[in-house]
């Protein structure tokens, strides 16, 4: 049951206490590996692999949290902000076919990498709002602009790797500047 009697401030504090840095770490790993693979594999293969990135990040993040003794989004059953974040993941996922359809007529399969890099970055908007953290919007917008620039200006052979590098840099920025839960709010392990 969702508790709708708490203030937005309390909900945000709970959201931050339950969320961890595992999502950006998982994203950085997944996109970093894709960028490295793009140096060796054909663009069509990299485009196909980019479609699986969003499906890989969440389970990897949950696994990272378990290794660190954390519960991914603890308290999420009662916090509507956690539900907003998770519903946003679904909302973004249902737009993936647009990338596939758009790539069908394109001569460059790297368009799939571009589309997935931008779509996967959109999740930072609801994350940032739920956390009360401007880093979320900055990450999403800078990542999208950087990916468009990488697609437009990187040499063909390095285009997918350049897009992945932009995504990794966006994650480094977010890991460095995103809000962390107050130690008073984090339950003892």
C-alpha atoms as a PDB file:
ATOM      1  CA  UNK A   1       0.000   0.000   0.000  1.00  0.00           C
ATOM      2  CA  UNK A   2       1.310   3.425  -0.914  1.00  0.00           C
ATOM      3  CA  UNK A   3       1.698   5.881   1.954  1.00  0.00           C
ATOM      4  CA  UNK A   4       0.403   9.190   0.630  1.00  0.00           C
ATOM      5  CA  UNK A   5       0.495  10.987   3.990  1.00  0.00           C
ATOM      6  CA  UNK A   6       4.226  11.758   3.985  1.00  0.00           C
ATOM      7  CA  UNK A   7       5.581  15.042   2.685  1.00  0.00           C
ATOM      8  CA  UNK A   8       7.507  15.217  -0.561  1.00  0.00           C
ATOM      9  CA  UNK A   9      10.606  16.001   1.494  1.00  0.00           C
ATOM     10  CA  UNK A  10      10.159  12.798   3.524  1.00  0.00           C
ATOM     11  CA  UNK A  11       9.439  10.739   0.405  1.00  0.00           C
ATOM     12  CA  UNK A  12      12.588  12.091  -1.259  1.00  0.00           C
ATOM     13  CA  UNK A  13      14.690  11.326   1.825  1.00  0.00           C
ATOM     14  CA  UNK A  14      13.291   7.774   1.843  1.00  0.00           C
ATOM     15  CA  UNK A  15      13.951   7.464  -1.887  1.00  0.00           C
ATOM     16  CA  UNK A  16      17.570   8.544  -1.461  1.00  0.00           C
ATOM     17  CA  UNK A  17      18.051   6.240   1.533  1.00  0.00           C
ATOM     18  CA  UNK A  18      16.865   3.267  -0.521  1.00  0.00           C
ATOM     19  CA  UNK A  19      18.577   4.052  -3.810  1.00  0.00           C
ATOM     20  CA  UNK A  20      22.266   3.463  -4.313  1.00  0.00           C
ATOM     21  CA  UNK A  21      24.989   4.209  -6.813  1.00  0.00           C
ATOM     22  CA  UNK A  22      24.565   0.717  -8.259  1.00  0.00           C
ATOM     23  CA  UNK A  23      22.494   1.881 -11.263  1.00  0.00           C
ATOM     24  CA  UNK A  24      25.069   4.354 -12.592  1.00  0.00           C
ATOM     25  CA  UNK A  25      27.880   1.904 -11.863  1.00  0.00           C
ATOM     26  CA  UNK A  26      26.022  -0.838 -13.744  1.00  0.00           C
ATOM     27  CA  UNK A  27      25.318   1.549 -16.624  1.00  0.00           C
ATOM     28  CA  UNK A  28      28.937   2.611 -16.766  1.00  0.00           C
ATOM     29  CA  UNK A  29      30.051  -1.041 -16.937  1.00  0.00           C
ATOM     30  CA  UNK A  30      27.503  -1.992 -19.608  1.00  0.00           C
ATOM     31  CA  UNK A  31      28.124   1.022 -21.855  1.00  0.00           C
ATOM     32  CA  UNK A  32      31.884   0.816 -21.329  1.00  0.00           C
ATOM     33  CA  UNK A  33      31.922  -2.816 -22.443  1.00  0.00           C
ATOM     34  CA  UNK A  34      29.770  -1.982 -25.460  1.00  0.00           C
ATOM     35  CA  UNK A  35      32.160   0.837 -26.409  1.00  0.00           C
ATOM     36  CA  UNK A  36      35.134  -1.526 -26.213  1.00  0.00           C
ATOM     37  CA  UNK A  37      33.287  -4.187 -28.216  1.00  0.00           C
ATOM     38  CA  UNK A  38      32.471  -1.552 -30.860  1.00  0.00           C
ATOM     39  CA  UNK A  39      36.177  -1.315 -31.644  1.00  0.00           C
ATOM     40  CA  UNK A  40      36.179  -4.946 -32.831  1.00  0.00           C
ATOM     41  CA  UNK A  41      32.672  -5.978 -33.853  1.00  0.00           C
ATOM     42  CA  UNK A  42      30.686  -4.908 -36.923  1.00  0.00           C
ATOM     43  CA  UNK A  43      28.298  -1.944 -36.486  1.00  0.00           C
ATOM     44  CA  UNK A  44      25.202  -4.132 -37.028  1.00  0.00           C
ATOM     45  CA  UNK A  45      26.258  -6.400 -34.153  1.00  0.00           C
ATOM     46  CA  UNK A  46      26.935  -3.426 -31.900  1.00  0.00           C
ATOM     47  CA  UNK A  47      23.533  -1.976 -32.808  1.00  0.00           C
ATOM     48  CA  UNK A  48      21.882  -5.246 -31.811  1.00  0.00           C
ATOM     49  CA  UNK A  49      23.834  -5.392 -28.548  1.00  0.00           C
ATOM     50  CA  UNK A  50      22.781  -1.811 -27.751  1.00  0.00           C
ATOM     51  CA  UNK A  51      19.178  -3.009 -27.687  1.00  0.00           C
ATOM     52  CA  UNK A  52      19.979  -5.205 -24.700  1.00  0.00           C
ATOM     53  CA  UNK A  53      21.690  -2.515 -22.631  1.00  0.00           C
ATOM     54  CA  UNK A  54      18.568  -1.392 -20.754  1.00  0.00           C
ATOM     55  CA  UNK A  55      17.722  -5.009 -19.975  1.00  0.00           C
ATOM     56  CA  UNK A  56      21.209  -5.594 -18.576  1.00  0.00           C
ATOM     57  CA  UNK A  57      21.599  -2.553 -16.343  1.00  0.00           C
ATOM     58  CA  UNK A  58      18.814  -3.246 -13.813  1.00  0.00           C
ATOM     59  CA  UNK A  59      19.796  -6.875 -13.032  1.00  0.00           C
ATOM     60  CA  UNK A  60      23.460  -5.861 -12.856  1.00  0.00           C
ATOM     61  CA  UNK A  61      22.571  -3.039 -10.442  1.00  0.00           C
ATOM     62  CA  UNK A  62      20.556  -5.409  -8.253  1.00  0.00           C
ATOM     63  CA  UNK A  63      23.484  -7.853  -8.246  1.00  0.00           C
ATOM     64  CA  UNK A  64      25.937  -5.105  -7.313  1.00  0.00           C
ATOM     65  CA  UNK A  65      23.720  -4.064  -4.416  1.00  0.00           C
ATOM     66  CA  UNK A  66      23.494  -7.632  -3.164  1.00  0.00           C
ATOM     67  CA  UNK A  67      27.273  -7.945  -3.271  1.00  0.00           C
ATOM     68  CA  UNK A  68      27.489  -4.770  -1.186  1.00  0.00           C
ATOM     69  CA  UNK A  69      24.836  -5.953   1.280  1.00  0.00           C
ATOM     70  CA  UNK A  70      22.242  -3.439   0.112  1.00  0.00           C
ATOM     71  CA  UNK A  71      18.635  -3.890  -0.915  1.00  0.00           C
ATOM     72  CA  UNK A  72      17.964  -2.239  -4.270  1.00  0.00           C
ATOM     73  CA  UNK A  73      15.327   0.457  -3.676  1.00  0.00           C
ATOM     74  CA  UNK A  74      14.504  -0.756  -0.173  1.00  0.00           C
ATOM     75  CA  UNK A  75      11.123   0.535   0.937  1.00  0.00           C
ATOM     76  CA  UNK A  76       9.945   0.888  -2.643  1.00  0.00           C
ATOM     77  CA  UNK A  77       6.623  -0.823  -2.016  1.00  0.00           C
ATOM     78  CA  UNK A  78       5.363   2.151  -0.016  1.00  0.00           C
ATOM     79  CA  UNK A  79       7.137   5.054  -1.710  1.00  0.00           C
ATOM     80  CA  UNK A  80       5.361   6.477  -4.777  1.00  0.00           C
ATOM     81  CA  UNK A  81       8.632   8.044  -5.973  1.00  0.00           C
ATOM     82  CA  UNK A  82      10.203   4.601  -6.339  1.00  0.00           C
ATOM     83  CA  UNK A  83       7.113   3.488  -8.233  1.00  0.00           C
ATOM     84  CA  UNK A  84       7.411   6.577 -10.467  1.00  0.00           C
ATOM     85  CA  UNK A  85      11.010   5.655 -11.260  1.00  0.00           C
ATOM     86  CA  UNK A  86      10.164   2.021 -12.042  1.00  0.00           C
ATOM     87  CA  UNK A  87       7.126   2.962 -14.134  1.00  0.00           C
ATOM     88  CA  UNK A  88       9.353   5.381 -16.046  1.00  0.00           C
ATOM     89  CA  UNK A  89      11.645   2.465 -16.902  1.00  0.00           C
ATOM     90  CA  UNK A  90       8.653   0.748 -18.509  1.00  0.00           C
ATOM     91  CA  UNK A  91       7.661   3.965 -20.284  1.00  0.00           C
ATOM     92  CA  UNK A  92      11.104   4.284 -21.789  1.00  0.00           C
ATOM     93  CA  UNK A  93      11.213   0.603 -22.721  1.00  0.00           C
ATOM     94  CA  UNK A  94       8.017   0.847 -24.765  1.00  0.00           C
ATOM     95  CA  UNK A  95       9.673   3.487 -26.958  1.00  0.00           C
ATOM     96  CA  UNK A  96      12.530   1.155 -27.955  1.00  0.00           C
ATOM     97  CA  UNK A  97      10.642  -0.064 -31.048  1.00  0.00           C
ATOM     98  CA  UNK A  98      10.780   3.517 -32.388  1.00  0.00           C
ATOM     99  CA  UNK A  99      14.578   3.201 -32.452  1.00  0.00           C
ATOM    100  CA  UNK A 100      14.349  -0.153 -34.238  1.00  0.00           C
ATOM    101  CA  UNK A 101      11.848   1.171 -36.786  1.00  0.00           C
ATOM    102  CA  UNK A 102      13.951   4.288 -37.360  1.00  0.00           C
ATOM    103  CA  UNK A 103      17.080   2.203 -37.843  1.00  0.00           C
ATOM    104  CA  UNK A 104      15.387  -0.059 -40.382  1.00  0.00           C
ATOM    105  CA  UNK A 105      15.631   2.564 -43.098  1.00  0.00           C
ATOM    106  CA  UNK A 106      18.973   3.996 -41.983  1.00  0.00           C
ATOM    107  CA  UNK A 107      22.193   3.086 -43.730  1.00  0.00           C
ATOM    108  CA  UNK A 108      24.161   3.335 -40.476  1.00  0.00           C
ATOM    109  CA  UNK A 109      23.250   0.747 -37.794  1.00  0.00           C
ATOM    110  CA  UNK A 110      25.006   2.975 -35.248  1.00  0.00           C
ATOM    111  CA  UNK A 111      21.729   4.893 -35.147  1.00  0.00           C
ATOM    112  CA  UNK A 112      20.526   2.137 -32.783  1.00  0.00           C
ATOM    113  CA  UNK A 113      23.419   2.849 -30.411  1.00  0.00           C
ATOM    114  CA  UNK A 114      22.546   6.553 -30.546  1.00  0.00           C
ATOM    115  CA  UNK A 115      18.853   5.905 -29.909  1.00  0.00           C
ATOM    116  CA  UNK A 116      19.447   3.514 -27.023  1.00  0.00           C
ATOM    117  CA  UNK A 117      22.059   5.799 -25.429  1.00  0.00           C
ATOM    118  CA  UNK A 118      19.563   8.662 -25.405  1.00  0.00           C
ATOM    119  CA  UNK A 119      16.549   6.594 -24.339  1.00  0.00           C
ATOM    120  CA  UNK A 120      18.459   4.914 -21.508  1.00  0.00           C
ATOM    121  CA  UNK A 121      19.591   8.364 -20.362  1.00  0.00           C
ATOM    122  CA  UNK A 122      16.031   9.661 -20.112  1.00  0.00           C
ATOM    123  CA  UNK A 123      15.577   7.627 -16.900  1.00  0.00           C
ATOM    124  CA  UNK A 124      17.762  10.199 -15.168  1.00  0.00           C
ATOM    125  CA  UNK A 125      14.943  12.750 -15.465  1.00  0.00           C
ATOM    126  CA  UNK A 126      12.482  10.918 -13.153  1.00  0.00           C
ATOM    127  CA  UNK A 127      15.381   9.810 -10.959  1.00  0.00           C
ATOM    128  CA  UNK A 128      16.505  13.414 -10.499  1.00  0.00           C
ATOM    129  CA  UNK A 129      12.992  14.651  -9.813  1.00  0.00           C
ATOM    130  CA  UNK A 130      12.304  11.879  -7.292  1.00  0.00           C
ATOM    131  CA  UNK A 131      15.627  12.558  -5.544  1.00  0.00           C
ATOM    132  CA  UNK A 132      15.218  16.338  -5.727  1.00  0.00           C
ATOM    133  CA  UNK A 133      18.557  16.368  -7.528  1.00  0.00           C
ATOM    134  CA  UNK A 134      19.320  18.544 -10.592  1.00  0.00           C
ATOM    135  CA  UNK A 135      22.047  16.076 -11.596  1.00  0.00           C
ATOM    136  CA  UNK A 136      19.332  13.886 -13.147  1.00  0.00           C
ATOM    137  CA  UNK A 137      18.203  16.473 -15.693  1.00  0.00           C
ATOM    138  CA  UNK A 138      21.769  17.613 -16.357  1.00  0.00           C
ATOM    139  CA  UNK A 139      22.832  14.014 -17.002  1.00  0.00           C
ATOM    140  CA  UNK A 140      19.967  13.346 -19.423  1.00  0.00           C
ATOM    141  CA  UNK A 141      20.338  16.566 -21.418  1.00  0.00           C
ATOM    142  CA  UNK A 142      24.152  16.620 -21.571  1.00  0.00           C
ATOM    143  CA  UNK A 143      24.223  12.927 -22.446  1.00  0.00           C
ATOM    144  CA  UNK A 144      21.754  13.415 -25.300  1.00  0.00           C
ATOM    145  CA  UNK A 145      23.608  16.442 -26.711  1.00  0.00           C
ATOM    146  CA  UNK A 146      26.964  14.675 -26.350  1.00  0.00           C
ATOM    147  CA  UNK A 147      25.652  11.557 -28.070  1.00  0.00           C
ATOM    148  CA  UNK A 148      24.238  13.578 -30.969  1.00  0.00           C
ATOM    149  CA  UNK A 149      27.582  15.345 -31.361  1.00  0.00           C
ATOM    150  CA  UNK A 150      29.496  12.044 -31.220  1.00  0.00           C
ATOM    151  CA  UNK A 151      27.198  10.582 -33.865  1.00  0.00           C
ATOM    152  CA  UNK A 152      27.593  13.635 -36.091  1.00  0.00           C
ATOM    153  CA  UNK A 153      31.342  14.210 -35.769  1.00  0.00           C
ATOM    154  CA  UNK A 154      33.150  11.009 -34.767  1.00  0.00           C
ATOM    155  CA  UNK A 155      34.830   9.101 -37.596  1.00  0.00           C
ATOM    156  CA  UNK A 156      32.663   6.217 -38.831  1.00  0.00           C
ATOM    157  CA  UNK A 157      34.942   3.538 -37.381  1.00  0.00           C
ATOM    158  CA  UNK A 158      34.751   5.096 -33.909  1.00  0.00           C
ATOM    159  CA  UNK A 159      31.210   6.472 -33.901  1.00  0.00           C
ATOM    160  CA  UNK A 160      29.657   3.789 -31.648  1.00  0.00           C
ATOM    161  CA  UNK A 161      32.629   3.889 -29.285  1.00  0.00           C
ATOM    162  CA  UNK A 162      32.406   7.686 -29.099  1.00  0.00           C
ATOM    163  CA  UNK A 163      28.707   7.512 -28.216  1.00  0.00           C
ATOM    164  CA  UNK A 164      29.437   4.942 -25.505  1.00  0.00           C
ATOM    165  CA  UNK A 165      32.259   7.137 -24.187  1.00  0.00           C
ATOM    166  CA  UNK A 166      29.844  10.063 -23.841  1.00  0.00           C
ATOM    167  CA  UNK A 167      27.502   7.842 -21.834  1.00  0.00           C
ATOM    168  CA  UNK A 168      30.332   6.681 -19.553  1.00  0.00           C
ATOM    169  CA  UNK A 169      31.443  10.288 -18.975  1.00  0.00           C
ATOM    170  CA  UNK A 170      27.833  11.220 -18.095  1.00  0.00           C
ATOM    171  CA  UNK A 171      27.799   8.408 -15.518  1.00  0.00           C
ATOM    172  CA  UNK A 172      31.115   9.570 -14.057  1.00  0.00           C
ATOM    173  CA  UNK A 173      29.658  13.071 -13.713  1.00  0.00           C
ATOM    174  CA  UNK A 174      26.547  11.724 -11.998  1.00  0.00           C
ATOM    175  CA  UNK A 175      28.452   9.441  -9.651  1.00  0.00           C
ATOM    176  CA  UNK A 176      30.593  12.392  -8.643  1.00  0.00           C
ATOM    177  CA  UNK A 177      27.817  14.929  -8.076  1.00  0.00           C
ATOM    178  CA  UNK A 178      24.567  13.054  -7.354  1.00  0.00           C
ATOM    179  CA  UNK A 179      22.946  13.440  -3.953  1.00  0.00           C
ATOM    180  CA  UNK A 180      23.761  10.794  -1.388  1.00  0.00           C
ATOM    181  CA  UNK A 181      21.459   9.829   1.448  1.00  0.00           C
ATOM    182  CA  UNK A 182      22.040  11.563   4.729  1.00  0.00           C
ATOM    183  CA  UNK A 183      23.787   9.187   7.132  1.00  0.00           C
ATOM    184  CA  UNK A 184      20.973   9.892   9.615  1.00  0.00           C
ATOM    185  CA  UNK A 185      18.458   8.489   7.116  1.00  0.00           C
ATOM    186  CA  UNK A 186      20.309   5.330   6.143  1.00  0.00           C
ATOM    187  CA  UNK A 187      19.300   2.338   8.244  1.00  0.00           C
ATOM    188  CA  UNK A 188      22.166   0.432   9.858  1.00  0.00           C
ATOM    189  CA  UNK A 189      23.108  -2.704   7.950  1.00  0.00           C
END
